[in-house]
Amino acid sequence: MVKKHSQGLNLLLGLLDAAATGGAWLLAFLLRTEGGPLLPVKTGEPSFRLYLQILPIVVAAGVVSYALAGLYSPKRHRGAGADFIGALKGTALAMVLLLAASFFQRGVEFSRWIAVFFAVGNVALVTAGRILFWRTAGFLRARGVNVKRALIVGGGRSGGRVLESIRRNAWTGIEAAGFVEVRDERKGREIQGIPVLGSIEDLPHLIQDRGIGLVFIALGSDQTAALEKAVDALSEQVVDVRIVPDLTHFFSLNAEISEFDGLPVMSLRESPLYGWRALCKRSMDIVFSGGFLLVFSPVFVGIALLVKLTSRGPVFYKQERMGLDGRTFKMLKFRSMRIGAEKETGAVWAVENDPRRTRFGTFLRKTSLDEIPQFLNVFLGHMSVVGPRPERPVFIEEFKKSIPRYMLRHKMKAGITGWAQVNGWRGDTSLRKRIQYDLYYIDHWSLWFDIRIMFLTAFRGLVAPNAY
């Protein structure tokens, strides 16, 4: 429903953003060439024709980047702060795309000052354009333009959630006019400040008298008879009708309603990675892991030599772990324990002052340097840089029986670092808390969330008091 209402607005916003980006590009050129004594042109006047020719590329890169930054997401509440952050992220990504494209333009030099002016001006113009857009939309809606009044059938948990969603997404222009209950005795009462206007029998005349254009039916799963009654009462009306299924008692992950050969289907467990999202995440994994292995290859070789020199046995330790969709793989680590450490104990968790560790292995585990070989797992596609930490199948058999929703974490590729780890839930800490953070990450995944976690890992995730 929110997606449908957002389509027209996003088209207008896209055109506005494109105009702002084009304007920022041309303004940057003028500031550089007409900068006067403050910014004298010493190496020749930039070609206006050249900058005009690449204007469509700049605009296209900008709009694509804004989409990736979430500026056209129907799930966000709009605000000046949110639009500024989105414009900042989108501009940064657009600059990266344009920089990459410039490598293919041999013999053409672009002014660095124009790039700086464009970046600053673009953030300002896109943000200003959006502030103007939303204030204009608010002004018009305050005067009844493009406002759709809605009734909510059902004042229970589902009805309350519908009202909260309407209030969070005021930009859609939907206004909650009132509640309609199954029985008439609650008429006149209020739910979260919105009046109960009557019962299901009153729907036809309420729609006519109050100019209703939309009805949400948000009844409990045990109120099938009332649902049929409400649908019958609306059969002769021309309003839009939305049924909100009461499925809050089911476990869900990225739940959404889709269509399969004309049948409405609700997905309760869905990975957020599909299509271009999966491509973007995999591309970032390849670039980051490849770059990391290349830059830190001396460190990699140095640690390998120290592992070999300080204890008998192989440099790497391979351990079976479970990843995306329950598939197992061999996760790599620098060996930090003695050979045959689990022959007597079997599969057990590492403990504080674990006697099985080597002296150098203790340092490796405390500093997370034993995890470096997992960038090979990432490069080969077994893992991702960011995601839920993978666990051993022997432990998973126990966890999935005692911890609700545990297996949902396997709807995302396993990661070297994750949201749980940067929040302190690593090593000998609450497993339930880790699952809670992992599922939050999967439900709210975005490329920017990944970048944020990677940044936080450098400050919070490398050294942990509970990493044994």
Protein backbone atom coordinates (compact mmCIF):
# COMPACT_ATOMS: atom_id res chain seq x y z
CA MET A 1 0.00 0.00 0.00
CA VAL A 2 2.80 2.41 0.91
CA LYS A 3 4.67 1.40 -2.25
CA LYS A 4 1.63 2.22 -4.39
CA HIS A 5 1.21 5.65 -2.82
CA SER A 6 4.93 6.35 -3.15
CA GLN A 7 5.21 5.70 -6.89
CA GLY A 8 3.81 9.04 -8.03
CA LEU A 9 5.72 10.95 -5.37
CA ASN A 10 8.97 9.16 -6.23
CA LEU A 11 8.55 10.06 -9.90
CA LEU A 12 8.25 13.73 -8.98
CA LEU A 13 11.14 13.48 -6.50
CA GLY A 14 13.30 11.74 -9.11
CA LEU A 15 12.69 14.54 -11.60
CA LEU A 16 13.39 17.13 -8.91
CA ASP A 17 16.61 15.38 -7.85
CA ALA A 18 17.72 15.10 -11.49
CA ALA A 19 17.15 18.84 -11.97
CA ALA A 20 19.06 19.61 -8.75
CA THR A 21 21.99 17.40 -9.81
CA GLY A 22 22.14 18.94 -13.28
CA GLY A 23 21.96 22.40 -11.77
CA ALA A 24 24.74 21.61 -9.30
CA TRP A 25 26.99 20.35 -12.12
CA LEU A 26 26.50 23.47 -14.26
CA LEU A 27 26.80 25.76 -11.23
CA ALA A 28 30.10 24.08 -10.29
CA PHE A 29 31.44 24.76 -13.79
CA LEU A 30 30.44 28.42 -13.59
CA LEU A 31 31.98 28.84 -10.13
CA ARG A 32 35.26 27.40 -11.39
CA THR A 33 35.45 29.37 -14.64
CA GLU A 34 34.03 32.59 -13.22
CA GLY A 35 35.79 32.31 -9.87
CA GLY A 36 37.84 35.44 -10.42
CA PRO A 37 41.02 36.10 -8.44
CA LEU A 38 40.09 33.66 -5.69
CA LEU A 39 40.24 30.68 -8.05
CA PRO A 40 42.28 31.69 -11.11
CA VAL A 41 42.40 29.17 -13.97
CA LYS A 42 46.11 28.45 -14.50
CA THR A 43 46.11 25.42 -16.78
CA GLY A 44 43.61 26.39 -19.45
CA GLU A 45 39.90 27.09 -19.49
CA PRO A 46 37.75 23.94 -18.94
CA SER A 47 35.64 23.04 -21.97
CA PHE A 48 31.96 23.83 -21.39
CA ARG A 49 31.06 21.54 -24.28
CA LEU A 50 32.80 18.61 -22.60
CA TYR A 51 31.02 19.18 -19.28
CA LEU A 52 27.71 19.59 -21.08
CA GLN A 53 28.22 16.29 -22.93
CA ILE A 54 28.71 14.32 -19.72
CA LEU A 55 25.83 16.06 -17.93
CA PRO A 56 23.38 13.17 -18.67
CA ILE A 57 25.89 10.68 -17.21
CA VAL A 58 26.25 12.79 -14.06
CA VAL A 59 22.46 13.06 -13.66
CA ALA A 60 21.95 9.31 -14.23
CA ALA A 61 24.71 8.41 -11.76
CA GLY A 62 23.14 10.77 -9.23
CA VAL A 63 19.60 9.36 -9.46
CA VAL A 64 20.86 5.75 -9.31
CA SER A 65 22.99 6.64 -6.29
CA TYR A 66 20.06 8.31 -4.51
CA ALA A 67 18.01 5.16 -5.04
CA LEU A 68 20.81 3.01 -3.56
CA ALA A 69 21.04 5.45 -0.64
CA GLY A 70 17.34 4.86 0.12
CA LEU A 71 15.97 8.25 -0.88
CA TYR A 72 13.12 6.57 -2.77
CA SER A 73 12.38 3.90 -0.19
CA PRO A 74 8.65 3.81 0.68
CA LYS A 75 9.41 2.66 4.23
CA ARG A 76 11.15 5.79 5.51
CA HIS A 77 9.57 8.74 7.24
CA ARG A 78 10.63 11.88 5.41
CA GLY A 79 12.37 14.70 7.22
CA ALA A 80 15.03 17.34 6.51
CA GLY A 81 17.67 15.43 8.49
CA ALA A 82 16.93 12.12 6.78
CA ASP A 83 16.95 13.75 3.33
CA PHE A 84 20.26 15.51 4.08
CA ILE A 85 21.91 12.22 5.14
CA GLY A 86 20.45 10.48 2.07
CA ALA A 87 21.71 13.25 -0.22
CA LEU A 88 25.14 13.06 1.41
CA LYS A 89 25.33 9.27 0.95
CA GLY A 90 23.97 9.46 -2.59
CA THR A 91 26.41 12.19 -3.59
CA ALA A 92 29.35 10.26 -2.15
CA LEU A 93 28.34 7.15 -4.10
CA ALA A 94 27.79 9.19 -7.28
CA MET A 95 31.28 10.65 -6.93
CA VAL A 96 32.72 7.14 -6.67
CA LEU A 97 30.82 6.06 -9.79
CA LEU A 98 31.96 9.13 -11.72
CA LEU A 99 35.54 8.63 -10.57
CA ALA A 100 35.44 5.02 -11.78
CA ALA A 101 33.97 6.14 -15.12
CA SER A 102 36.73 8.75 -15.55
CA PHE A 103 39.36 5.99 -15.74
CA PHE A 104 37.91 4.98 -19.10
CA GLN A 105 38.23 8.52 -20.50
CA ARG A 106 41.79 8.68 -21.80
CA GLY A 107 43.25 12.06 -22.59
CA VAL A 108 40.50 13.94 -20.73
CA GLU A 109 41.22 15.75 -17.47
CA PHE A 110 38.46 16.92 -15.17
CA SER A 111 38.86 19.84 -12.79
CA ARG A 112 39.19 18.79 -9.15
CA TRP A 113 37.68 22.10 -8.06
CA ILE A 114 34.60 21.47 -10.19
CA ALA A 115 34.26 18.06 -8.50
CA VAL A 116 34.48 19.69 -5.05
CA PHE A 117 31.99 22.43 -5.95
CA PHE A 118 29.64 19.85 -7.45
CA ALA A 119 29.72 17.59 -4.37
CA VAL A 120 28.97 20.43 -1.95
CA GLY A 121 26.42 22.11 -4.20
CA ASN A 122 24.67 18.86 -5.03
CA VAL A 123 24.07 17.94 -1.38
CA ALA A 124 22.74 21.45 -0.75
CA LEU A 125 20.46 21.60 -3.82
CA VAL A 126 19.04 18.07 -3.46
CA THR A 127 18.30 18.65 0.23
CA ALA A 128 16.81 22.10 -0.39
CA GLY A 129 14.67 20.76 -3.25
CA ARG A 130 13.28 18.02 -1.06
CA ILE A 131 12.54 20.37 1.84
CA LEU A 132 10.66 22.61 -0.57
CA PHE A 133 8.82 19.61 -2.02
CA TRP A 134 7.63 18.25 1.33
CA ARG A 135 6.64 21.66 2.65
CA THR A 136 4.65 22.34 -0.49
CA ALA A 137 3.00 18.91 -0.20
CA GLY A 138 2.21 19.61 3.47
CA PHE A 139 0.76 23.02 2.61
CA LEU A 140 -1.49 21.52 -0.06
CA ARG A 141 -2.61 18.60 2.11
CA ALA A 142 -3.45 20.96 4.96
CA ARG A 143 -5.94 22.45 2.53
CA GLY A 144 -7.38 19.10 1.54
CA VAL A 145 -5.44 18.60 -1.70
CA ASN A 146 -4.52 14.95 -2.41
CA VAL A 147 -5.69 13.73 1.02
CA LYS A 148 -7.43 10.38 1.39
CA ARG A 149 -9.53 9.88 4.53
CA ALA A 150 -9.47 6.35 5.93
CA LEU A 151 -11.53 4.20 8.30
CA ILE A 152 -9.95 1.38 10.31
CA VAL A 153 -12.22 -1.61 10.93
CA GLY A 154 -11.01 -3.21 14.16
CA GLY A 155 -9.66 -1.46 17.23
CA GLY A 156 -7.42 -4.28 18.45
CA ARG A 157 -3.72 -4.87 18.06
CA SER A 158 -3.76 -4.90 14.25
CA GLY A 159 -5.91 -1.76 14.06
CA GLY A 160 -3.56 0.05 16.43
CA ARG A 161 -0.59 -0.89 14.27
CA VAL A 162 -2.37 0.43 11.16
CA LEU A 163 -2.92 3.76 12.90
CA GLU A 164 0.73 3.93 13.94
CA SER A 165 1.81 3.21 10.36
CA ILE A 166 -0.46 5.94 9.00
CA ARG A 167 1.02 8.43 11.45
CA ARG A 168 4.60 7.41 10.65
CA ASN A 169 3.95 7.78 6.92
CA ALA A 170 2.09 11.08 6.86
CA TRP A 171 3.74 11.84 3.50
CA THR A 172 1.31 9.38 1.84
CA GLY A 173 -1.55 11.82 2.44
CA ILE A 174 -3.68 9.24 4.29
CA GLU A 175 -5.65 10.60 7.23
CA ALA A 176 -7.26 8.33 9.85
CA ALA A 177 -10.84 9.55 10.21
CA GLY A 178 -11.90 6.98 12.81
CA PHE A 179 -12.29 3.38 13.91
CA VAL A 180 -15.16 1.01 13.25
CA GLU A 181 -15.71 -1.82 15.75
CA VAL A 182 -17.44 -5.18 15.41
CA ARG A 183 -20.00 -4.24 18.05
CA ASP A 184 -21.76 -0.93 18.64
CA GLU A 185 -21.15 -0.57 22.39
CA ARG A 186 -17.70 1.01 21.95
CA LYS A 187 -19.07 3.88 19.86
CA GLY A 188 -17.90 7.24 21.19
CA ARG A 189 -14.72 5.91 22.76
CA GLU A 190 -11.23 6.79 21.52
CA ILE A 191 -8.27 4.64 20.49
CA GLN A 192 -4.95 6.50 20.54
CA GLY A 193 -6.86 9.78 20.18
CA ILE A 194 -8.99 8.60 17.23
CA PRO A 195 -12.77 8.15 17.84
CA VAL A 196 -14.73 4.93 17.37
CA LEU A 197 -17.45 6.08 14.95
CA GLY A 198 -19.70 3.03 14.96
CA SER A 199 -20.01 -0.65 14.08
CA ILE A 200 -19.67 -2.59 10.82
CA GLU A 201 -23.37 -1.95 10.04
CA ASP A 202 -22.57 1.79 9.99
CA LEU A 203 -19.88 1.51 7.27
CA PRO A 204 -22.03 2.56 4.25
CA HIS A 205 -23.33 5.79 5.74
CA LEU A 206 -19.98 6.64 7.40
CA ILE A 207 -18.29 6.38 4.01
CA GLN A 208 -20.86 8.70 2.46
CA ASP A 209 -21.11 11.21 5.31
CA ARG A 210 -17.39 11.58 6.03
CA GLY A 211 -15.91 11.43 2.53
CA ILE A 212 -14.01 8.19 3.12
CA GLY A 213 -11.78 6.99 0.28
CA LEU A 214 -9.96 4.08 1.96
CA VAL A 215 -10.92 1.35 4.45
CA PHE A 216 -8.45 -0.83 6.35
CA ILE A 217 -9.90 -4.09 7.67
CA ALA A 218 -7.64 -5.04 10.60
CA LEU A 219 -9.51 -7.77 12.46
CA GLY A 220 -8.12 -10.63 14.52
CA SER A 221 -7.57 -14.09 13.05
CA ASP A 222 -10.52 -15.34 15.15
CA GLN A 223 -12.94 -12.81 13.61
CA THR A 224 -13.56 -14.44 10.23
CA ALA A 225 -17.32 -13.89 10.42
CA ALA A 226 -16.82 -10.17 11.10
CA LEU A 227 -14.38 -9.96 8.18
CA GLU A 228 -16.96 -11.42 5.79
CA LYS A 229 -19.56 -9.06 7.19
CA ALA A 230 -17.31 -6.02 6.62
CA VAL A 231 -16.51 -7.08 3.05
CA ASP A 232 -20.23 -7.52 2.33
CA ALA A 233 -20.97 -4.07 3.78
CA LEU A 234 -18.38 -2.55 1.45
CA SER A 235 -19.47 -4.44 -1.67
CA GLU A 236 -21.62 -1.55 -2.94
CA GLN A 237 -19.10 1.18 -2.11
CA VAL A 238 -16.40 2.59 -4.41
CA VAL A 239 -13.73 3.02 -1.73
CA ASP A 240 -10.35 1.29 -1.78
CA VAL A 241 -10.22 -1.63 0.65
CA ARG A 242 -7.06 -3.02 2.29
CA ILE A 243 -7.14 -6.15 4.46
CA VAL A 244 -4.42 -6.31 7.13
CA PRO A 245 -3.92 -9.98 8.11
CA ASP A 246 -3.34 -10.66 11.80
CA LEU A 247 -0.13 -12.66 11.48
CA THR A 248 1.88 -11.09 14.31
CA HIS A 249 1.94 -14.39 16.21
CA PHE A 250 3.85 -16.06 13.36
CA PHE A 251 7.63 -15.81 13.10
CA SER A 252 8.42 -13.50 10.21
CA LEU A 253 11.49 -12.09 8.48
CA ASN A 254 11.16 -9.50 5.71
CA ALA A 255 7.49 -10.48 5.37
CA GLU A 256 5.74 -9.24 2.26
CA ILE A 257 2.73 -10.01 0.11
CA SER A 258 3.32 -10.92 -3.52
CA GLU A 259 1.48 -12.66 -6.35
CA PHE A 260 1.99 -16.15 -7.74
CA ASP A 261 0.02 -16.88 -10.92
CA GLY A 262 -2.78 -14.58 -9.75
CA LEU A 263 -2.81 -15.92 -6.18
CA PRO A 264 -1.96 -13.54 -3.30
CA VAL A 265 0.92 -15.06 -1.35
CA MET A 266 2.40 -13.79 1.90
CA SER A 267 6.06 -14.59 2.49
CA LEU A 268 6.92 -14.94 6.18
CA ARG A 269 10.60 -15.81 5.80
CA GLU A 270 12.43 -14.07 2.98
CA SER A 271 16.08 -13.17 2.46
CA PRO A 272 16.59 -9.47 1.67
CA LEU A 273 19.22 -10.40 -0.93
CA TYR A 274 17.81 -10.87 -4.40
CA GLY A 275 18.35 -9.28 -7.80
CA TRP A 276 20.49 -6.15 -7.79
CA ARG A 277 20.76 -6.26 -3.97
CA ALA A 278 22.56 -9.59 -4.09
CA LEU A 279 24.73 -8.32 -6.95
CA CYS A 280 25.70 -5.16 -5.04
CA LYS A 281 26.57 -7.04 -1.84
CA ARG A 282 28.58 -9.68 -3.71
CA SER A 283 30.42 -6.99 -5.68
CA MET A 284 31.34 -5.17 -2.47
CA ASP A 285 32.52 -8.45 -0.93
CA ILE A 286 34.78 -9.22 -3.91
CA VAL A 287 36.25 -5.71 -4.04
CA PHE A 288 36.79 -5.43 -0.27
CA SER A 289 38.14 -8.95 0.32
CA GLY A 290 40.37 -8.81 -2.76
CA GLY A 291 41.70 -5.39 -1.76
CA PHE A 292 42.23 -6.49 1.85
CA LEU A 293 44.16 -9.62 0.86
CA LEU A 294 46.30 -7.60 -1.55
CA VAL A 295 47.11 -4.73 0.84
CA PHE A 296 47.64 -6.91 3.92
CA SER A 297 49.44 -9.77 2.17
CA PRO A 298 52.68 -9.00 4.09
CA VAL A 299 50.77 -9.27 7.39
CA PHE A 300 49.12 -12.46 6.14
CA VAL A 301 52.49 -14.03 5.29
CA GLY A 302 54.06 -12.81 8.55
CA ILE A 303 51.35 -14.36 10.72
CA ALA A 304 51.55 -17.60 8.74
CA LEU A 305 55.30 -17.80 9.40
CA LEU A 306 54.87 -17.11 13.11
CA VAL A 307 52.17 -19.79 13.42
CA LYS A 308 54.51 -22.28 11.75
CA LEU A 309 57.54 -21.28 13.83
CA THR A 310 55.82 -21.23 17.24
CA SER A 311 53.99 -24.59 17.15
CA ARG A 312 53.84 -27.89 15.29
CA GLY A 313 51.12 -28.38 12.71
CA PRO A 314 49.54 -26.66 9.70
CA VAL A 315 49.20 -22.90 9.35
CA PHE A 316 45.45 -22.97 8.68
CA TYR A 317 42.64 -24.60 10.60
CA LYS A 318 39.56 -25.67 8.63
CA GLN A 319 36.29 -26.03 10.51
CA GLU A 320 32.84 -26.94 9.20
CA ARG A 321 30.33 -24.11 9.61
CA MET A 322 26.78 -23.52 8.40
CA GLY A 323 25.99 -20.58 6.12
CA LEU A 324 23.33 -19.35 3.71
CA ASP A 325 20.23 -21.58 3.44
CA GLY A 326 21.78 -24.15 5.78
CA ARG A 327 24.64 -25.08 3.44
CA THR A 328 27.90 -26.04 5.12
CA PHE A 329 31.40 -24.91 4.15
CA LYS A 330 34.95 -25.10 5.50
CA MET A 331 35.78 -21.86 7.32
CA LEU A 332 39.47 -20.91 7.43
CA LYS A 333 41.39 -19.58 10.41
CA PHE A 334 45.00 -19.23 11.38
CA ARG A 335 45.56 -22.17 13.70
CA SER A 336 45.57 -20.94 17.31
CA MET A 337 45.31 -24.25 19.20
CA ARG A 338 47.41 -27.36 19.55
CA ILE A 339 46.95 -30.22 17.08
CA GLY A 340 44.17 -32.58 18.15
CA ALA A 341 42.74 -30.09 20.67
CA GLU A 342 39.26 -31.68 20.49
CA LYS A 343 40.23 -35.35 20.37
CA GLU A 344 39.44 -35.89 24.05
CA THR A 345 36.76 -33.23 24.63
CA GLY A 346 34.87 -33.36 21.32
CA ALA A 347 33.25 -30.17 19.98
CA VAL A 348 33.26 -27.60 22.80
CA TRP A 349 33.30 -23.82 23.09
CA ALA A 350 36.58 -22.07 23.87
CA VAL A 351 36.81 -20.92 27.49
CA GLU A 352 38.83 -18.28 29.33
CA ASN A 353 42.49 -19.27 29.71
CA ASP A 354 41.81 -22.25 27.46
CA PRO A 355 44.77 -24.65 27.91
CA ARG A 356 44.43 -25.85 24.30
CA ARG A 357 45.70 -22.55 22.88
CA THR A 358 49.26 -21.98 21.73
CA ARG A 359 51.09 -18.95 23.13
CA PHE A 360 50.89 -17.11 19.81
CA GLY A 361 47.34 -18.40 19.35
CA THR A 362 46.23 -16.57 22.51
CA PHE A 363 47.36 -13.29 20.94
CA LEU A 364 45.73 -14.14 17.62
CA ARG A 365 42.34 -14.87 19.20
CA LYS A 366 42.37 -11.78 21.43
CA THR A 367 43.11 -9.49 18.48
CA SER A 368 40.90 -11.37 15.97
CA LEU A 369 43.91 -11.81 13.68
CA ASP A 370 43.12 -15.53 13.48
CA GLU A 371 40.05 -14.55 11.42
CA ILE A 372 42.03 -12.96 8.54
CA PRO A 373 42.00 -16.11 6.31
CA GLN A 374 38.21 -15.83 6.19
CA PHE A 375 38.69 -13.10 3.61
CA LEU A 376 39.57 -16.00 1.32
CA ASN A 377 36.18 -17.53 2.19
CA VAL A 378 34.59 -14.20 1.27
CA PHE A 379 36.45 -13.92 -2.02
CA LEU A 380 35.42 -17.49 -2.93
CA GLY A 381 31.77 -16.79 -2.09
CA HIS A 382 31.37 -18.96 1.02
CA MET A 383 30.95 -15.94 3.28
CA SER A 384 30.34 -12.19 3.25
CA VAL A 385 32.34 -9.46 4.97
CA VAL A 386 29.25 -8.57 7.03
CA GLY A 387 26.62 -11.04 8.22
CA PRO A 388 25.69 -13.31 11.12
CA ARG A 389 28.71 -15.21 12.43
CA PRO A 390 28.56 -18.85 11.23
CA GLU A 391 28.25 -21.64 13.78
CA ARG A 392 29.21 -25.30 13.79
CA PRO A 393 26.45 -27.74 12.73
CA VAL A 394 26.93 -29.82 15.88
CA PHE A 395 26.00 -26.79 18.03
CA ILE A 396 23.20 -25.69 15.71
CA GLU A 397 21.34 -28.96 16.28
CA GLU A 398 21.11 -27.97 19.95
CA PHE A 399 20.47 -24.26 19.48
CA LYS A 400 17.58 -24.59 17.01
CA LYS A 401 15.60 -26.65 19.52
CA SER A 402 16.06 -24.27 22.45
CA ILE A 403 16.23 -20.82 20.82
CA PRO A 404 13.18 -19.64 18.84
CA ARG A 405 13.89 -18.27 15.34
CA TYR A 406 17.51 -19.42 15.44
CA MET A 407 17.47 -20.87 11.92
CA LEU A 408 16.23 -17.57 10.43
CA ARG A 409 19.77 -16.22 10.66
CA HIS A 410 20.68 -18.57 7.80
CA LYS A 411 18.60 -16.46 5.38
CA MET A 412 21.71 -14.29 5.03
CA LYS A 413 25.23 -15.30 4.04
CA ALA A 414 27.51 -15.73 7.09
CA GLY A 415 29.94 -12.89 7.79
CA ILE A 416 33.35 -12.16 9.28
CA THR A 417 31.81 -9.40 11.37
CA GLY A 418 28.21 -8.48 12.17
CA TRP A 419 25.80 -6.22 14.02
CA ALA A 420 25.92 -8.47 17.10
CA GLN A 421 29.72 -8.40 17.21
CA VAL A 422 30.10 -4.61 17.03
CA ASN A 423 27.53 -4.30 19.83
CA GLY A 424 29.57 -6.50 22.15
CA TRP A 425 27.74 -9.83 21.69
CA ARG A 426 30.75 -11.89 20.77
CA GLY A 427 32.44 -14.93 22.30
CA ASP A 428 31.11 -16.06 25.69
CA THR A 429 28.02 -13.83 25.74
CA SER A 430 24.24 -14.31 25.52
CA LEU A 431 23.37 -16.38 22.47
CA ARG A 432 19.78 -15.13 22.53
CA LYS A 433 21.00 -11.55 22.34
CA ARG A 434 23.22 -12.43 19.40
CA ILE A 435 20.27 -13.94 17.56
CA GLN A 436 18.20 -10.83 18.30
CA TYR A 437 20.87 -8.57 16.78
CA ASP A 438 21.44 -10.90 13.81
CA LEU A 439 17.74 -10.92 12.93
CA TYR A 440 17.54 -7.13 13.29
CA TYR A 441 20.43 -6.86 10.83
CA ILE A 442 18.76 -9.15 8.29
CA ASP A 443 15.42 -7.37 8.61
CA HIS A 444 17.03 -3.93 8.13
CA TRP A 445 19.81 -4.82 5.70
CA SER A 446 21.21 -2.23 3.33
CA LEU A 447 24.63 -1.54 1.80
CA TRP A 448 24.99 1.47 4.08
CA PHE A 449 24.25 -0.71 7.11
CA ASP A 450 27.09 -3.00 5.97
CA ILE A 451 29.46 -0.04 5.57
CA ARG A 452 28.49 1.23 9.03
CA ILE A 453 29.23 -2.18 10.59
CA MET A 454 32.57 -2.42 8.77
CA PHE A 455 33.49 1.03 10.10
CA LEU A 456 32.44 0.15 13.66
CA THR A 457 34.36 -3.13 13.50
CA ALA A 458 37.63 -1.18 13.28
CA PHE A 459 36.84 0.45 16.65
CA ARG A 460 34.73 -2.10 18.50
CA GLY A 461 35.02 -5.50 16.88
CA LEU A 462 38.73 -6.38 16.71
CA VAL A 463 39.61 -6.75 20.40
CA ALA A 464 36.94 -8.28 22.65
CA PRO A 465 37.23 -9.27 26.35
CA ASN A 466 35.09 -12.36 25.70
CA ALA A 467 37.12 -13.64 22.73
CA TYR A 468 38.94 -16.70 24.08
